[in-house]
Amino acid sequence: MREVQALQADHSDFKSFHHTTIVRRDLRADDVAIDVKYCGICHSDIAQVEGIDDVFKHPIIPGHEITGIVSAIGSEVKDFKVGDRVGVGCFIDSCGKCKYCLAGQEQFCEKGYVSVFNTPDYDGKVTEGGYSQSLVVKDHFVLHIPDTLNLAEAAPLLCAGITTYNPLVRYHIGKGSKVAIIGLGGLGHIAVQFANKLGAEVTVLGHSDSKRAEADQFGATSYEILRKDEDFDRLAGQFDFILNTAAIKLNLDNYLKLLTVNGTFCFVGLTMEEQQFNLFSIFNKQGTITVSNVGGIPMTQDMLNFAAAHDVKPQIEMIGIDDVPTAYQRIIDSDVHYRFVIDMKTLK
């Protein structure tokens, strides 16, 4: 057992964050010990800290966009060595035996995957996430970070990256595809880069002109502002695939106008508000409305390799561990450019 420092929230008030000491388990034969260097901040971290106790239990040590360096390995670990650059994403265990695990889709494990933080593992201990100096993870759930990826910039790829890469690959986005991305935030700016590097013609759909230049820098072919019905009518039938990265309720019927015949509208920006649409908005084009989860371990490794090979880089703002409460509020206020990453050397 090893004691390490971590940042813990005792309840939903962000001011409840405080430094604490936790214990990481001794290495099992198939474990990898990781010195955490960076951890991204995601909306789902905030959702759990804000959540009520009968849904998300407190206290919580969040963090699921984790990059670091291997410090030790178990006796049976073959694919990692001390000093390797690695990452850990949304989950750290699954049954390994069901049809989904065997297919490399651990996110759909029939037993239920073990999240990297705030869920009971298979031994009953509640997991504690990446806002900590180190962690111990089964080797199957550890990912290699290619040498050409900056460790800090790689952190958001472990959630935001795979969240946007998965649907683009699953729906065969590539050369000749006309893709629209709704929103140019933490998810959207990565989605634009992936879609562009996959060969698609990419349009960003925004509500103001403020990010037009940045959309171009990320590889967007065009930037369209949609405010009135006439704006949607002008773009009707233009897109094979629309990826919604905005976590808001949409006038979905207007957006469905934009699809081509057999086009797909996919949600990755999630909100608890109901999304409503008229069936006839997709009937005349045989459209599809769907949602995408994160990807399994094999796809996540593919995503990291693709990002390294094609220079896909999340835009980050580095913060110290004591800046986390302020960063949480700034994310709620949409005041981040584009993802916060915690420099864990500031956790003493």
Protein backbone atom coordinates (compact mmCIF):
# COMPACT_ATOMS: atom_id res chain seq x y z
CA MET A 1 0.00 0.00 0.00
CA ARG A 2 1.19 3.50 -0.80
CA GLU A 3 -0.09 6.80 0.57
CA VAL A 4 -0.41 9.60 -2.01
CA GLN A 5 -1.79 13.12 -2.05
CA ALA A 6 -5.07 13.87 -3.84
CA LEU A 7 -7.72 16.57 -4.25
CA GLN A 8 -11.14 15.66 -2.86
CA ALA A 9 -14.57 17.30 -2.94
CA ASP A 10 -16.62 16.56 0.17
CA HIS A 11 -19.91 17.81 -1.26
CA SER A 12 -21.34 19.71 -4.21
CA ASP A 13 -19.92 23.12 -3.22
CA PHE A 14 -16.74 23.59 -5.26
CA LYS A 15 -15.21 25.30 -2.21
CA SER A 16 -15.29 21.90 -0.49
CA PHE A 17 -12.26 20.78 -2.52
CA HIS A 18 -9.31 20.13 -0.24
CA HIS A 19 -6.03 18.21 -0.18
CA THR A 20 -6.21 14.75 1.34
CA THR A 21 -4.23 11.53 1.63
CA ILE A 22 -5.42 8.33 -0.04
CA VAL A 23 -3.99 4.83 -0.28
CA ARG A 24 -3.25 3.09 -3.58
CA ARG A 25 -3.17 -0.70 -3.61
CA ASP A 26 -0.07 -2.83 -3.86
CA LEU A 27 0.70 -3.98 -7.39
CA ARG A 28 -1.02 -7.13 -8.53
CA ALA A 29 0.63 -9.27 -11.21
CA ASP A 30 -1.19 -7.46 -14.04
CA ASP A 31 -1.03 -3.94 -12.61
CA VAL A 32 0.76 -0.81 -13.77
CA ALA A 33 1.65 1.97 -11.32
CA ILE A 34 1.58 5.46 -12.83
CA ASP A 35 2.99 8.75 -11.60
CA VAL A 36 0.30 11.20 -12.73
CA LYS A 37 1.71 14.21 -14.55
CA TYR A 38 -1.46 15.80 -15.95
CA CYS A 39 -5.21 15.41 -15.62
CA GLY A 40 -7.83 17.10 -17.76
CA ILE A 41 -11.08 18.53 -16.42
CA CYS A 42 -14.28 17.33 -18.09
CA HIS A 43 -17.93 18.37 -17.72
CA SER A 44 -18.66 14.92 -16.33
CA ASP A 45 -16.23 15.58 -13.46
CA ILE A 46 -18.28 18.65 -12.61
CA ALA A 47 -21.58 16.77 -13.01
CA GLN A 48 -20.53 14.22 -10.42
CA VAL A 49 -19.20 16.78 -7.97
CA GLU A 50 -22.42 18.79 -8.34
CA GLY A 51 -24.62 15.67 -8.23
CA ILE A 52 -26.84 14.76 -5.34
CA ASP A 53 -25.73 11.97 -3.01
CA ASP A 54 -28.33 9.42 -4.07
CA VAL A 55 -26.88 9.60 -7.60
CA PHE A 56 -23.20 10.47 -7.09
CA LYS A 57 -21.71 9.75 -3.70
CA HIS A 58 -19.46 12.19 -1.87
CA PRO A 59 -16.63 12.58 -1.05
CA ILE A 60 -15.24 12.38 -4.59
CA ILE A 61 -11.74 12.41 -6.08
CA PRO A 62 -12.53 13.14 -9.77
CA GLY A 63 -10.39 12.88 -12.89
CA HIS A 64 -10.55 10.61 -15.94
CA GLU A 65 -8.27 12.28 -18.49
CA ILE A 66 -4.99 11.11 -17.02
CA THR A 67 -1.47 11.06 -18.44
CA GLY A 68 1.74 10.15 -16.71
CA ILE A 69 4.80 7.94 -16.50
CA VAL A 70 4.97 4.27 -15.52
CA SER A 71 6.73 3.94 -12.17
CA ALA A 72 6.39 0.17 -11.60
CA ILE A 73 4.83 -2.91 -13.21
CA GLY A 74 3.46 -6.21 -11.98
CA SER A 75 5.24 -9.50 -12.61
CA GLU A 76 3.00 -10.50 -15.55
CA VAL A 77 2.94 -7.15 -17.38
CA LYS A 78 4.49 -7.46 -20.85
CA ASP A 79 3.39 -4.39 -22.81
CA PHE A 80 4.69 -1.65 -20.48
CA LYS A 81 7.97 -0.82 -18.78
CA VAL A 82 9.10 1.70 -16.22
CA GLY A 83 9.46 5.11 -17.86
CA ASP A 84 6.76 4.61 -20.51
CA ARG A 85 4.44 7.53 -21.30
CA VAL A 86 0.89 6.36 -20.67
CA GLY A 87 -2.70 7.42 -20.24
CA VAL A 88 -5.84 6.27 -18.46
CA GLY A 89 -9.33 7.24 -19.54
CA CYS A 90 -12.89 6.70 -18.42
CA PHE A 91 -12.75 3.12 -17.11
CA ILE A 92 -10.22 0.86 -15.43
CA ASP A 93 -11.83 -2.59 -15.38
CA SER A 94 -14.46 -4.79 -16.98
CA CYS A 95 -15.33 -8.46 -16.89
CA GLY A 96 -13.13 -9.28 -19.90
CA LYS A 97 -15.35 -12.23 -20.78
CA CYS A 98 -18.64 -10.96 -22.25
CA LYS A 99 -19.15 -10.48 -25.98
CA TYR A 100 -18.59 -6.73 -25.70
CA CYS A 101 -15.33 -6.99 -23.78
CA LEU A 102 -14.08 -9.65 -26.18
CA ALA A 103 -14.91 -7.30 -29.07
CA GLY A 104 -12.90 -4.46 -27.51
CA GLN A 105 -16.02 -2.52 -26.50
CA GLU A 106 -15.46 -2.56 -22.76
CA GLN A 107 -17.75 0.45 -22.34
CA PHE A 108 -20.70 -1.92 -22.86
CA CYS A 109 -19.49 -4.66 -20.48
CA GLU A 110 -22.44 -6.81 -19.43
CA LYS A 111 -21.18 -6.93 -15.85
CA GLY A 112 -20.72 -3.17 -15.88
CA TYR A 113 -17.37 -1.48 -16.37
CA VAL A 114 -15.54 0.08 -13.44
CA SER A 115 -15.18 3.84 -13.84
CA VAL A 116 -11.85 5.41 -12.96
CA PHE A 117 -13.52 7.37 -10.16
CA ASN A 118 -16.53 7.29 -7.84
CA THR A 119 -17.81 3.79 -8.60
CA PRO A 120 -17.33 0.55 -6.64
CA ASP A 121 -14.73 -1.70 -8.20
CA TYR A 122 -15.28 -5.45 -8.29
CA ASP A 123 -13.85 -5.69 -4.75
CA GLY A 124 -16.33 -3.11 -3.48
CA LYS A 125 -13.86 -0.25 -2.94
CA VAL A 126 -14.96 3.09 -4.41
CA THR A 127 -12.52 4.21 -7.08
CA GLU A 128 -10.54 7.43 -6.76
CA GLY A 129 -9.55 9.31 -9.90
CA GLY A 130 -6.77 11.28 -11.47
CA TYR A 131 -6.70 14.38 -9.25
CA SER A 132 -3.93 12.54 -7.40
CA GLN A 133 -0.20 11.96 -7.48
CA SER A 134 -0.41 8.37 -8.69
CA LEU A 135 -2.73 5.48 -9.45
CA VAL A 136 -2.57 1.74 -9.99
CA VAL A 137 -4.45 0.28 -12.97
CA LYS A 138 -4.83 -3.13 -14.59
CA ASP A 139 -2.52 -3.17 -17.62
CA HIS A 140 -5.30 -3.81 -20.17
CA PHE A 141 -6.77 -0.38 -19.39
CA VAL A 142 -3.53 1.56 -19.70
CA LEU A 143 -2.83 3.29 -23.02
CA HIS A 144 0.44 4.13 -24.71
CA ILE A 145 0.92 7.85 -25.40
CA PRO A 146 2.96 8.21 -28.62
CA ASP A 147 6.19 10.14 -28.22
CA THR A 148 5.04 12.88 -30.60
CA LEU A 149 2.05 13.76 -28.39
CA ASN A 150 2.67 16.28 -25.65
CA LEU A 151 1.59 14.64 -22.37
CA ALA A 152 -0.44 17.65 -21.24
CA GLU A 153 -2.18 18.07 -24.59
CA ALA A 154 -2.87 14.34 -24.75
CA ALA A 155 -4.89 14.34 -21.52
CA PRO A 156 -8.20 15.61 -23.00
CA LEU A 157 -7.96 13.01 -25.76
CA LEU A 158 -8.67 10.31 -23.16
CA CYS A 159 -12.31 11.49 -22.98
CA ALA A 160 -13.06 14.37 -25.36
CA GLY A 161 -10.87 12.80 -28.03
CA ILE A 162 -12.39 9.33 -28.02
CA THR A 163 -15.90 10.77 -27.59
CA THR A 164 -15.59 12.58 -30.92
CA TYR A 165 -13.37 10.09 -32.77
CA ASN A 166 -15.64 7.10 -32.14
CA PRO A 167 -18.72 8.30 -34.08
CA LEU A 168 -16.65 9.69 -36.95
CA VAL A 169 -14.94 6.33 -37.45
CA ARG A 170 -18.05 4.26 -36.75
CA TYR A 171 -20.01 6.12 -39.44
CA HIS A 172 -17.12 5.87 -41.92
CA ILE A 173 -16.41 9.58 -42.21
CA GLY A 174 -13.71 10.17 -44.79
CA LYS A 175 -12.90 11.66 -48.16
CA GLY A 176 -16.10 12.87 -49.83
CA SER A 177 -18.04 13.17 -46.55
CA LYS A 178 -19.72 16.47 -45.78
CA VAL A 179 -19.74 16.89 -42.02
CA ALA A 180 -21.20 19.59 -39.79
CA ILE A 181 -20.05 20.09 -36.20
CA ILE A 182 -22.44 21.89 -33.85
CA GLY A 183 -20.42 23.89 -31.35
CA LEU A 184 -16.72 24.75 -31.20
CA GLY A 185 -15.98 24.10 -27.55
CA GLY A 186 -14.04 21.45 -25.67
CA LEU A 187 -15.48 18.63 -27.79
CA GLY A 188 -16.13 20.52 -30.99
CA HIS A 189 -12.63 21.86 -31.60
CA ILE A 190 -11.27 18.30 -31.39
CA ALA A 191 -14.07 16.91 -33.57
CA VAL A 192 -13.27 19.43 -36.31
CA GLN A 193 -9.62 18.36 -36.32
CA PHE A 194 -10.45 14.64 -36.48
CA ALA A 195 -13.05 15.08 -39.23
CA ASN A 196 -10.67 17.20 -41.27
CA LYS A 197 -7.78 14.75 -40.89
CA LEU A 198 -10.08 11.88 -41.85
CA GLY A 199 -10.60 13.70 -45.16
CA ALA A 200 -14.06 15.19 -44.71
CA GLU A 201 -15.27 18.62 -45.75
CA VAL A 202 -16.10 20.20 -42.38
CA THR A 203 -18.52 22.99 -41.55
CA VAL A 204 -18.85 24.43 -38.05
CA LEU A 205 -22.36 25.51 -37.06
CA GLY A 206 -22.21 28.31 -34.51
CA HIS A 207 -24.40 31.01 -33.05
CA SER A 208 -21.94 33.91 -33.22
CA ASP A 209 -18.99 35.06 -35.29
CA SER A 210 -16.50 34.93 -32.42
CA LYS A 211 -14.83 31.62 -33.34
CA ARG A 212 -14.80 31.83 -37.12
CA ALA A 213 -11.03 32.31 -37.39
CA GLU A 214 -10.31 29.49 -34.96
CA ALA A 215 -12.61 27.11 -36.83
CA ASP A 216 -10.50 27.76 -39.90
CA GLN A 217 -7.30 27.06 -37.96
CA PHE A 218 -8.70 23.71 -36.78
CA GLY A 219 -9.43 22.68 -40.36
CA ALA A 220 -13.02 23.72 -40.99
CA THR A 221 -13.92 24.45 -44.59
CA SER A 222 -16.65 26.88 -43.61
CA TYR A 223 -18.34 28.46 -40.62
CA GLU A 224 -22.07 29.09 -40.60
CA ILE A 225 -24.06 31.13 -38.09
CA LEU A 226 -27.55 29.76 -37.50
CA ARG A 227 -29.97 32.12 -35.80
CA LYS A 228 -33.16 32.21 -37.88
CA ASP A 229 -35.25 29.69 -39.78
CA GLU A 230 -33.97 31.15 -43.04
CA ASP A 231 -30.41 30.26 -42.05
CA PHE A 232 -31.37 26.61 -41.75
CA ASP A 233 -33.35 26.69 -44.99
CA ARG A 234 -30.28 28.00 -46.80
CA LEU A 235 -28.25 24.93 -45.75
CA ALA A 236 -31.00 22.35 -46.19
CA GLY A 237 -29.87 18.93 -47.46
CA GLN A 238 -26.14 19.67 -47.37
CA PHE A 239 -24.64 17.36 -44.75
CA ASP A 240 -24.13 13.60 -44.66
CA PHE A 241 -23.29 13.64 -40.97
CA ILE A 242 -23.97 16.16 -38.21
CA LEU A 243 -22.18 15.80 -34.87
CA ASN A 244 -23.76 17.74 -32.03
CA THR A 245 -21.18 18.60 -29.37
CA ALA A 246 -23.34 21.21 -27.60
CA ALA A 247 -24.96 20.12 -24.34
CA ILE A 248 -28.14 22.14 -24.87
CA LYS A 249 -31.70 21.60 -26.04
CA LEU A 250 -31.91 22.17 -29.79
CA ASN A 251 -34.63 23.08 -32.22
CA LEU A 252 -33.98 19.64 -33.64
CA ASP A 253 -36.39 19.88 -36.56
CA ASN A 254 -34.39 22.78 -37.95
CA TYR A 255 -31.11 20.88 -37.70
CA LEU A 256 -32.60 17.76 -39.27
CA LYS A 257 -33.39 19.85 -42.36
CA LEU A 258 -29.66 20.03 -42.98
CA LEU A 259 -29.21 16.28 -43.54
CA THR A 260 -28.85 14.65 -46.93
CA VAL A 261 -30.87 11.55 -47.81
CA ASN A 262 -29.69 8.74 -45.50
CA GLY A 263 -27.87 11.33 -43.41
CA THR A 264 -27.10 10.88 -39.71
CA PHE A 265 -27.48 13.25 -36.77
CA CYS A 266 -25.37 12.15 -33.80
CA PHE A 267 -25.38 13.46 -30.23
CA VAL A 268 -22.21 13.51 -28.14
CA GLY A 269 -23.07 16.69 -26.24
CA LEU A 270 -25.52 15.42 -23.63
CA THR A 271 -28.14 17.28 -21.60
CA MET A 272 -30.86 16.09 -19.24
CA GLU A 273 -33.38 18.19 -21.17
CA GLU A 274 -35.61 16.28 -23.57
CA GLN A 275 -34.82 16.62 -27.26
CA GLN A 276 -37.97 16.63 -29.40
CA PHE A 277 -38.54 16.28 -33.12
CA ASN A 278 -41.25 15.62 -35.68
CA LEU A 279 -40.96 12.26 -37.45
CA PHE A 280 -41.57 13.93 -40.77
CA SER A 281 -38.33 15.89 -40.31
CA ILE A 282 -36.44 12.69 -41.16
CA PHE A 283 -39.10 10.68 -43.00
CA ASN A 284 -38.56 12.32 -46.38
CA LYS A 285 -34.80 11.68 -46.25
CA GLN A 286 -34.71 8.39 -44.30
CA GLY A 287 -32.48 10.06 -41.75
CA THR A 288 -30.99 8.60 -38.61
CA ILE A 289 -30.83 10.16 -35.15
CA THR A 290 -28.34 8.50 -32.83
CA VAL A 291 -26.03 9.03 -29.86
CA SER A 292 -22.44 7.92 -29.36
CA ASN A 293 -20.71 6.62 -26.25
CA VAL A 294 -16.97 6.65 -25.63
CA GLY A 295 -14.87 4.01 -27.36
CA GLY A 296 -13.29 0.84 -26.02
CA ILE A 297 -9.62 0.37 -25.28
CA PRO A 298 -8.53 -0.72 -28.81
CA MET A 299 -10.29 2.24 -30.45
CA THR A 300 -8.91 4.63 -27.85
CA GLN A 301 -5.38 3.48 -28.65
CA ASP A 302 -6.12 3.86 -32.36
CA MET A 303 -7.36 7.38 -31.68
CA LEU A 304 -4.17 8.33 -29.83
CA ASN A 305 -2.05 6.91 -32.65
CA PHE A 306 -4.13 8.77 -35.24
CA ALA A 307 -3.87 12.04 -33.29
CA ALA A 308 -0.09 11.65 -33.10
CA ALA A 309 0.25 10.82 -36.79
CA HIS A 310 -1.99 13.69 -37.95
CA ASP A 311 -1.10 16.43 -35.45
CA VAL A 312 -4.49 16.58 -33.71
CA LYS A 313 -3.96 18.75 -30.64
CA PRO A 314 -6.48 19.78 -27.99
CA GLN A 315 -6.11 23.44 -27.09
CA ILE A 316 -5.49 23.61 -23.35
CA GLU A 317 -5.17 26.06 -20.51
CA MET A 318 -2.82 24.75 -17.81
CA ILE A 319 -3.78 25.27 -14.18
CA GLY A 320 -2.49 24.30 -10.76
CA ILE A 321 -4.32 21.96 -8.41
CA ASP A 322 -5.58 24.80 -6.22
CA ASP A 323 -7.16 26.46 -9.27
CA VAL A 324 -9.65 23.60 -9.72
CA PRO A 325 -12.64 25.23 -7.95
CA THR A 326 -12.25 28.37 -10.06
CA ALA A 327 -11.80 26.29 -13.22
CA TYR A 328 -15.02 24.40 -12.51
CA GLN A 329 -16.94 27.66 -12.28
CA ARG A 330 -15.27 29.01 -15.41
CA ILE A 331 -16.35 25.90 -17.34
CA ILE A 332 -19.93 26.43 -16.20
CA ASP A 333 -19.61 30.04 -17.33
CA SER A 334 -18.16 28.93 -20.73
CA ASP A 335 -14.93 30.74 -19.90
CA VAL A 336 -12.29 28.24 -21.00
CA HIS A 337 -10.18 28.08 -24.12
CA TYR A 338 -10.80 25.09 -24.77
CA ARG A 339 -9.91 22.52 -22.08
CA PHE A 340 -8.40 22.88 -18.62
CA VAL A 341 -5.53 20.54 -17.73
CA ILE A 342 -4.15 20.28 -14.20
CA ASP A 343 -0.38 20.21 -13.78
CA MET A 344 -0.15 17.57 -11.05
CA LYS A 345 3.32 18.63 -9.90
CA THR A 346 1.42 21.41 -8.10
CA LEU A 347 -0.12 18.77 -5.80
CA LYS A 348 2.29 18.54 -2.87
